N, C-alpha and C. Protein backbone atom coordinates (compact mmCIF):
# COMPACT_ATOMS: atom_id res chain seq x y z
N MET A 1 0.82 -1.19 0.00
CA MET A 1 0.00 0.00 0.00
C MET A 1 0.86 1.26 0.00
N LYS A 2 0.45 2.20 -0.81
CA LYS A 2 1.13 3.49 -0.81
C LYS A 2 0.47 4.41 0.19
N ARG A 3 1.32 5.09 0.93
CA ARG A 3 0.80 6.05 1.91
C ARG A 3 1.05 7.45 1.38
N GLU A 4 0.01 8.27 1.34
CA GLU A 4 0.18 9.62 0.84
C GLU A 4 0.88 10.48 1.88
N ARG A 5 1.71 11.38 1.38
CA ARG A 5 2.44 12.29 2.27
C ARG A 5 1.58 13.50 2.57
N GLY A 6 1.75 14.03 3.76
CA GLY A 6 1.01 15.22 4.15
C GLY A 6 0.87 15.27 5.66
N PHE A 7 0.21 16.31 6.13
CA PHE A 7 0.02 16.50 7.57
C PHE A 7 -1.36 16.00 7.97
N THR A 8 -1.41 15.46 9.17
CA THR A 8 -2.72 15.05 9.69
C THR A 8 -3.41 16.26 10.29
N LEU A 9 -4.68 16.14 10.52
CA LEU A 9 -5.45 17.23 11.11
C LEU A 9 -4.93 17.57 12.51
N VAL A 10 -4.53 16.59 13.28
CA VAL A 10 -4.00 16.81 14.64
C VAL A 10 -2.71 17.61 14.57
N GLU A 11 -1.83 17.28 13.64
CA GLU A 11 -0.57 18.02 13.50
C GLU A 11 -0.83 19.47 13.14
N LEU A 12 -1.75 19.70 12.23
CA LEU A 12 -2.09 21.08 11.86
C LEU A 12 -2.68 21.85 13.03
N LEU A 13 -3.55 21.21 13.82
CA LEU A 13 -4.14 21.88 14.98
C LEU A 13 -3.08 22.22 16.03
N VAL A 14 -2.11 21.35 16.23
CA VAL A 14 -1.03 21.62 17.18
C VAL A 14 -0.23 22.83 16.73
N VAL A 15 0.09 22.91 15.46
CA VAL A 15 0.86 24.05 14.93
C VAL A 15 0.06 25.34 15.07
N VAL A 16 -1.22 25.32 14.76
CA VAL A 16 -2.06 26.51 14.89
C VAL A 16 -2.14 26.95 16.35
N CYS A 17 -2.26 26.00 17.27
CA CYS A 17 -2.30 26.35 18.71
C CYS A 17 -0.99 26.98 19.16
N ILE A 18 0.13 26.43 18.72
CA ILE A 18 1.44 26.99 19.10
C ILE A 18 1.58 28.42 18.56
N ILE A 19 1.19 28.63 17.32
CA ILE A 19 1.25 29.98 16.74
C ILE A 19 0.34 30.93 17.50
N GLY A 20 -0.85 30.48 17.88
CA GLY A 20 -1.77 31.33 18.65
C GLY A 20 -1.21 31.71 20.00
N ILE A 21 -0.59 30.76 20.69
CA ILE A 21 0.00 31.04 22.00
C ILE A 21 1.15 32.02 21.88
N LEU A 22 2.02 31.80 20.89
CA LEU A 22 3.15 32.72 20.70
C LEU A 22 2.68 34.13 20.36
N SER A 23 1.68 34.26 19.51
CA SER A 23 1.20 35.60 19.17
C SER A 23 0.52 36.27 20.36
N ALA A 24 -0.14 35.50 21.21
CA ALA A 24 -0.76 36.08 22.40
C ALA A 24 0.29 36.61 23.37
N ILE A 25 1.46 36.02 23.37
CA ILE A 25 2.54 36.49 24.23
C ILE A 25 3.28 37.66 23.60
N ILE A 26 3.53 37.61 22.31
CA ILE A 26 4.38 38.58 21.63
C ILE A 26 3.68 39.90 21.34
N ILE A 27 2.45 39.89 20.86
CA ILE A 27 1.78 41.11 20.41
C ILE A 27 1.66 42.17 21.51
N PRO A 28 1.22 41.84 22.74
CA PRO A 28 1.17 42.89 23.77
C PRO A 28 2.55 43.48 24.08
N ASN A 29 3.59 42.65 24.06
CA ASN A 29 4.93 43.16 24.33
C ASN A 29 5.42 44.08 23.22
N VAL A 30 5.04 43.79 21.99
CA VAL A 30 5.42 44.66 20.87
C VAL A 30 4.70 46.01 21.00
N ARG A 31 3.42 45.98 21.38
CA ARG A 31 2.67 47.23 21.54
C ARG A 31 3.29 48.10 22.64
N ILE A 32 3.69 47.48 23.75
CA ILE A 32 4.31 48.23 24.85
C ILE A 32 5.65 48.80 24.39
N ALA A 33 6.44 48.01 23.67
CA ALA A 33 7.73 48.49 23.18
C ALA A 33 7.55 49.67 22.22
N LEU A 34 6.54 49.63 21.36
CA LEU A 34 6.29 50.75 20.44
C LEU A 34 5.87 52.00 21.20
N SER A 35 5.02 51.85 22.21
CA SER A 35 4.61 53.01 23.00
C SER A 35 5.78 53.60 23.77
N LYS A 36 6.65 52.74 24.32
CA LYS A 36 7.83 53.24 25.03
C LYS A 36 8.77 53.99 24.08
N SER A 37 8.92 53.48 22.86
CA SER A 37 9.81 54.16 21.92
C SER A 37 9.24 55.52 21.53
N LYS A 38 7.92 55.63 21.43
CA LYS A 38 7.30 56.93 21.14
C LYS A 38 7.52 57.90 22.30
N GLN A 39 7.43 57.40 23.53
CA GLN A 39 7.70 58.25 24.69
C GLN A 39 9.14 58.75 24.68
N ARG A 40 10.07 57.85 24.44
CA ARG A 40 11.50 58.23 24.45
C ARG A 40 11.81 59.22 23.33
N ARG A 41 11.22 59.01 22.16
CA ARG A 41 11.44 59.95 21.07
C ARG A 41 10.91 61.33 21.44
N THR A 42 9.72 61.34 22.04
CA THR A 42 9.12 62.61 22.45
C THR A 42 10.00 63.31 23.47
N MET A 43 10.48 62.57 24.45
CA MET A 43 11.35 63.17 25.47
C MET A 43 12.63 63.73 24.86
N SER A 44 13.21 62.99 23.93
CA SER A 44 14.43 63.44 23.27
C SER A 44 14.20 64.71 22.46
N ASP A 45 13.11 64.74 21.69
CA ASP A 45 12.80 65.93 20.90
C ASP A 45 12.50 67.13 21.79
N MET A 46 11.76 66.90 22.87
CA MET A 46 11.44 68.00 23.78
C MET A 46 12.72 68.52 24.45
N ARG A 47 13.63 67.63 24.81
CA ARG A 47 14.89 68.05 25.41
C ARG A 47 15.69 68.89 24.42
N THR A 48 15.69 68.49 23.15
CA THR A 48 16.40 69.24 22.12
C THR A 48 15.83 70.65 21.97
N VAL A 49 14.52 70.77 21.91
CA VAL A 49 13.89 72.08 21.80
C VAL A 49 14.16 72.90 23.06
N GLY A 50 14.09 72.25 24.22
CA GLY A 50 14.35 72.95 25.48
C GLY A 50 15.76 73.52 25.54
N LEU A 51 16.74 72.75 25.06
CA LEU A 51 18.11 73.25 25.04
C LEU A 51 18.26 74.44 24.09
N ALA A 52 17.59 74.38 22.95
CA ALA A 52 17.65 75.49 22.00
C ALA A 52 16.99 76.74 22.58
N VAL A 53 15.86 76.58 23.26
CA VAL A 53 15.19 77.73 23.88
C VAL A 53 16.07 78.30 24.99
N SER A 54 16.71 77.43 25.76
CA SER A 54 17.62 77.91 26.82
C SER A 54 18.80 78.68 26.23
N ALA A 55 19.34 78.19 25.11
CA ALA A 55 20.44 78.91 24.45
C ALA A 55 19.96 80.27 23.95
N TYR A 56 18.76 80.30 23.38
CA TYR A 56 18.18 81.57 22.92
C TYR A 56 18.02 82.52 24.10
N ALA A 57 17.51 82.01 25.22
CA ALA A 57 17.29 82.84 26.41
C ALA A 57 18.61 83.36 26.97
N THR A 58 19.66 82.57 26.86
CA THR A 58 20.98 83.03 27.31
C THR A 58 21.47 84.20 26.46
N ASP A 59 21.27 84.12 25.17
CA ASP A 59 21.72 85.18 24.26
C ASP A 59 20.86 86.43 24.34
N TRP A 60 19.55 86.28 24.47
CA TRP A 60 18.63 87.41 24.38
C TRP A 60 18.02 87.82 25.72
N VAL A 61 18.31 87.13 26.77
CA VAL A 61 17.85 87.40 28.13
C VAL A 61 16.33 87.24 28.28
N TYR A 62 15.71 86.53 27.40
CA TYR A 62 14.30 86.14 27.55
C TYR A 62 14.03 84.97 26.59
N ALA A 63 13.09 84.16 26.96
CA ALA A 63 12.68 83.05 26.09
C ALA A 63 11.74 83.59 25.02
N PRO A 64 11.64 82.93 23.89
CA PRO A 64 10.68 83.39 22.88
C PRO A 64 9.28 83.48 23.49
N GLU A 65 8.66 84.64 23.33
CA GLU A 65 7.36 84.86 23.95
C GLU A 65 6.24 84.39 23.03
N VAL A 66 5.60 83.31 23.44
CA VAL A 66 4.48 82.73 22.72
C VAL A 66 3.47 82.29 23.77
N ALA A 67 2.23 82.72 23.62
CA ALA A 67 1.19 82.32 24.58
C ALA A 67 0.40 81.15 24.00
N ASN A 68 0.42 80.02 24.68
CA ASN A 68 -0.35 78.83 24.28
C ASN A 68 -0.19 78.47 22.81
N GLY A 69 1.05 78.36 22.38
CA GLY A 69 1.31 78.02 20.99
C GLY A 69 1.89 76.62 20.86
N THR A 70 2.56 76.41 19.75
CA THR A 70 3.22 75.14 19.50
C THR A 70 4.69 75.42 19.18
N VAL A 71 5.46 74.36 19.08
CA VAL A 71 6.87 74.50 18.73
C VAL A 71 7.02 75.13 17.35
N GLU A 72 6.03 74.93 16.50
CA GLU A 72 6.02 75.55 15.16
C GLU A 72 6.21 77.07 15.26
N ASP A 73 5.66 77.68 16.32
CA ASP A 73 5.77 79.13 16.51
C ASP A 73 7.19 79.58 16.83
N LEU A 74 8.09 78.64 17.15
CA LEU A 74 9.47 78.97 17.49
C LEU A 74 10.40 79.03 16.27
N LEU A 75 9.89 78.64 15.12
CA LEU A 75 10.74 78.61 13.91
C LEU A 75 11.50 79.92 13.68
N PRO A 76 10.85 81.08 13.71
CA PRO A 76 11.61 82.30 13.44
C PRO A 76 12.66 82.62 14.51
N TYR A 77 12.48 82.11 15.71
CA TYR A 77 13.41 82.39 16.80
C TYR A 77 14.62 81.45 16.80
N LEU A 78 14.39 80.19 16.51
CA LEU A 78 15.42 79.18 16.74
C LEU A 78 16.14 78.66 15.51
N THR A 79 15.51 78.73 14.34
CA THR A 79 16.17 78.19 13.15
C THR A 79 16.72 79.32 12.30
N PRO A 80 17.82 79.17 11.68
CA PRO A 80 18.79 78.08 11.74
C PRO A 80 19.88 78.28 12.78
N THR A 81 19.81 79.35 13.56
CA THR A 81 20.90 79.68 14.49
C THR A 81 21.05 78.64 15.60
N TYR A 82 19.98 78.26 16.24
CA TYR A 82 20.06 77.37 17.40
C TYR A 82 19.77 75.91 17.05
N LEU A 83 19.00 75.69 16.03
CA LEU A 83 18.71 74.34 15.54
C LEU A 83 18.57 74.39 14.02
N LYS A 84 19.20 73.44 13.37
CA LYS A 84 19.05 73.38 11.91
C LYS A 84 17.64 72.93 11.55
N SER A 85 17.17 71.90 12.25
CA SER A 85 15.83 71.37 12.01
C SER A 85 15.11 71.26 13.35
N LEU A 86 14.00 71.89 13.46
CA LEU A 86 13.26 71.94 14.72
C LEU A 86 12.25 70.79 14.81
N PRO A 87 12.39 69.88 15.81
CA PRO A 87 11.38 68.83 15.96
C PRO A 87 10.06 69.44 16.40
N ARG A 88 9.00 69.25 15.63
CA ARG A 88 7.74 69.92 15.91
C ARG A 88 6.64 69.00 16.40
N ILE A 89 6.78 67.70 16.15
CA ILE A 89 5.72 66.76 16.55
C ILE A 89 6.28 65.72 17.52
N ASP A 90 5.40 65.20 18.35
CA ASP A 90 5.82 64.18 19.31
C ASP A 90 5.75 62.79 18.67
N GLY A 91 5.99 61.77 19.44
CA GLY A 91 6.00 60.41 18.94
C GLY A 91 4.66 59.93 18.41
N TRP A 92 3.58 60.59 18.80
CA TRP A 92 2.24 60.21 18.37
C TRP A 92 1.73 61.10 17.24
N GLN A 93 2.64 61.83 16.60
CA GLN A 93 2.35 62.67 15.44
C GLN A 93 1.42 63.84 15.77
N ARG A 94 1.54 64.36 17.00
CA ARG A 94 0.80 65.57 17.38
C ARG A 94 1.80 66.67 17.72
N GLU A 95 1.37 67.90 17.57
CA GLU A 95 2.28 69.02 17.81
C GLU A 95 2.66 69.12 19.29
N ILE A 96 3.91 69.47 19.52
CA ILE A 96 4.38 69.73 20.88
C ILE A 96 3.97 71.14 21.25
N ARG A 97 3.36 71.31 22.39
CA ARG A 97 2.86 72.61 22.84
C ARG A 97 4.00 73.42 23.46
N TYR A 98 3.94 74.75 23.31
CA TYR A 98 4.95 75.64 23.89
C TYR A 98 4.28 76.90 24.41
N THR A 99 4.74 77.33 25.58
CA THR A 99 4.33 78.61 26.15
C THR A 99 5.58 79.25 26.72
N GLY A 100 5.79 80.53 26.43
CA GLY A 100 6.96 81.22 26.96
C GLY A 100 6.68 82.67 27.27
N GLU A 101 7.25 83.11 28.39
CA GLU A 101 7.13 84.53 28.78
C GLU A 101 8.29 84.86 29.69
N GLY A 102 8.98 85.96 29.40
CA GLY A 102 10.15 86.33 30.19
C GLY A 102 11.22 85.25 30.06
N LEU A 103 11.74 84.77 31.17
CA LEU A 103 12.71 83.67 31.14
C LEU A 103 12.06 82.31 31.34
N ASP A 104 10.75 82.27 31.54
CA ASP A 104 10.06 81.02 31.81
C ASP A 104 9.44 80.46 30.53
N TYR A 105 9.58 79.16 30.36
CA TYR A 105 8.94 78.50 29.23
C TYR A 105 8.53 77.09 29.63
N THR A 106 7.56 76.56 28.90
CA THR A 106 7.05 75.21 29.14
C THR A 106 6.83 74.51 27.81
N LEU A 107 7.29 73.27 27.73
CA LEU A 107 7.04 72.40 26.59
C LEU A 107 6.16 71.26 27.08
N LEU A 108 5.17 70.88 26.27
CA LEU A 108 4.18 69.91 26.72
C LEU A 108 3.76 68.98 25.59
N SER A 109 3.76 67.68 25.89
CA SER A 109 3.18 66.68 24.99
C SER A 109 2.04 66.03 25.74
N TYR A 110 0.90 65.86 25.09
CA TYR A 110 -0.26 65.31 25.76
C TYR A 110 -0.24 63.78 25.88
N GLY A 111 0.85 63.14 25.52
CA GLY A 111 0.96 61.69 25.68
C GLY A 111 0.19 60.93 24.62
N ARG A 112 0.03 59.64 24.86
CA ARG A 112 -0.56 58.75 23.86
C ARG A 112 -2.00 59.11 23.51
N ASP A 113 -2.80 59.50 24.51
CA ASP A 113 -4.22 59.76 24.24
C ASP A 113 -4.47 61.12 23.61
N GLY A 114 -3.51 62.03 23.65
CA GLY A 114 -3.67 63.34 23.02
C GLY A 114 -4.59 64.29 23.76
N ILE A 115 -4.93 63.94 25.00
CA ILE A 115 -5.84 64.75 25.80
C ILE A 115 -5.08 65.32 26.99
N GLU A 116 -5.30 66.61 27.26
CA GLU A 116 -4.63 67.23 28.39
C GLU A 116 -5.06 66.56 29.69
N GLN A 117 -4.08 66.27 30.51
CA GLN A 117 -4.34 65.61 31.77
C GLN A 117 -5.08 66.56 32.71
N GLY A 118 -6.09 66.07 33.41
CA GLY A 118 -6.86 66.90 34.33
C GLY A 118 -6.02 67.39 35.50
N SER A 119 -5.40 66.48 36.22
CA SER A 119 -4.54 66.85 37.34
C SER A 119 -3.16 66.27 37.10
N LEU A 120 -2.16 67.09 37.26
CA LEU A 120 -0.79 66.65 37.01
C LEU A 120 -0.26 65.88 38.20
N THR A 121 0.55 64.86 37.91
CA THR A 121 1.16 64.09 38.99
C THR A 121 2.52 64.67 39.37
N LEU A 122 3.15 65.39 38.46
CA LEU A 122 4.48 65.95 38.64
C LEU A 122 5.44 64.90 39.17
N GLY A 123 6.51 64.71 38.45
CA GLY A 123 7.46 63.65 38.75
C GLY A 123 7.27 62.51 37.78
N PRO A 124 7.81 61.35 38.12
CA PRO A 124 7.68 60.21 37.21
C PRO A 124 6.25 59.69 37.14
N THR A 125 5.83 59.25 35.96
CA THR A 125 4.50 58.69 35.78
C THR A 125 4.62 57.28 35.22
N THR A 126 3.56 56.52 35.34
CA THR A 126 3.58 55.14 34.85
C THR A 126 2.41 54.85 33.92
N ASN A 127 1.92 55.88 33.25
CA ASN A 127 0.79 55.70 32.35
C ASN A 127 1.14 56.31 31.00
N PHE A 128 0.95 55.55 29.93
CA PHE A 128 1.28 56.05 28.59
C PHE A 128 0.46 57.29 28.23
N ASP A 129 -0.69 57.48 28.85
CA ASP A 129 -1.56 58.61 28.52
C ASP A 129 -1.19 59.90 29.26
N ASP A 130 -0.31 59.84 30.24
CA ASP A 130 0.06 61.02 31.01
C ASP A 130 0.87 62.00 30.16
N ASP A 131 0.71 63.29 30.46
CA ASP A 131 1.44 64.34 29.75
C ASP A 131 2.93 64.25 30.08
N ILE A 132 3.75 64.73 29.15
CA ILE A 132 5.19 64.87 29.36
C ILE A 132 5.47 66.36 29.34
N ILE A 133 6.11 66.88 30.41
CA ILE A 133 6.24 68.33 30.57
C ILE A 133 7.69 68.70 30.91
N ILE A 134 8.19 69.74 30.21
CA ILE A 134 9.46 70.38 30.55
C ILE A 134 9.14 71.82 30.92
N ALA A 135 9.63 72.25 32.07
CA ALA A 135 9.50 73.66 32.48
C ALA A 135 10.90 74.21 32.71
N ASN A 136 11.26 75.24 31.97
CA ASN A 136 12.55 75.91 32.09
C ASN A 136 13.73 74.94 31.99
N GLY A 137 13.63 74.00 31.05
CA GLY A 137 14.73 73.09 30.77
C GLY A 137 14.79 71.84 31.63
N VAL A 138 13.82 71.65 32.52
CA VAL A 138 13.82 70.49 33.42
C VAL A 138 12.52 69.73 33.25
N PHE A 139 12.62 68.40 33.13
CA PHE A 139 11.40 67.59 33.09
C PHE A 139 10.72 67.67 34.45
N VAL A 140 9.46 68.08 34.47
CA VAL A 140 8.70 68.12 35.73
C VAL A 140 7.69 67.00 35.79
N GLN A 141 7.38 66.39 34.64
CA GLN A 141 6.55 65.18 34.59
C GLN A 141 7.04 64.36 33.41
N TRP A 142 7.40 63.10 33.69
CA TRP A 142 7.99 62.26 32.66
C TRP A 142 7.68 60.79 32.93
N PRO A 143 7.69 59.96 31.87
CA PRO A 143 7.44 58.53 32.05
C PRO A 143 8.68 57.84 32.60
N GLU A 144 8.44 56.91 33.52
CA GLU A 144 9.55 56.18 34.11
C GLU A 144 9.05 54.85 34.63
N GLY A 145 9.85 53.84 34.56
CA GLY A 145 9.49 52.54 35.10
C GLY A 145 8.51 51.80 34.21
N VAL A 146 7.85 50.80 34.79
CA VAL A 146 6.89 49.99 34.06
C VAL A 146 5.65 50.82 33.76
N GLN A 147 5.25 50.85 32.51
CA GLN A 147 4.11 51.66 32.09
C GLN A 147 2.84 50.83 32.05
N VAL A 148 1.74 51.45 32.45
CA VAL A 148 0.44 50.81 32.44
C VAL A 148 -0.16 50.95 31.05
N GLU A 149 -0.64 49.86 30.53
CA GLU A 149 -1.23 49.87 29.19
C GLU A 149 -2.58 50.51 29.18
């Protein structure tokens, strides 16, 4: 008797189960890694803009005065002297907020959800939706540690 080659139904079901288990483990970890990378990119870009604003304030004795604007409003002040290319959006493709008056300035990203946080926690946060804030060159609210999905 000739036996045909191929997989049995049981073998196929075992392979499908293994693939399902692996994807159930891997997909949430990939989502968390992507969100963390967006946070880190946002923090890096905000730090870069903050350093440029601080350099501008050192030279001109005041930060660029913008009331409730975005980093886009800093283009005439900072480019090309302080930055060749100004990072204008955060990791979630939304504009980074900027407010400046006198020597004080604030940079703000609304986090993953894009909604302004009702009450600030100030200091390290563990939620991807929390705002990321720099005031006068120092992070006053930032993501740190294990993040809550």
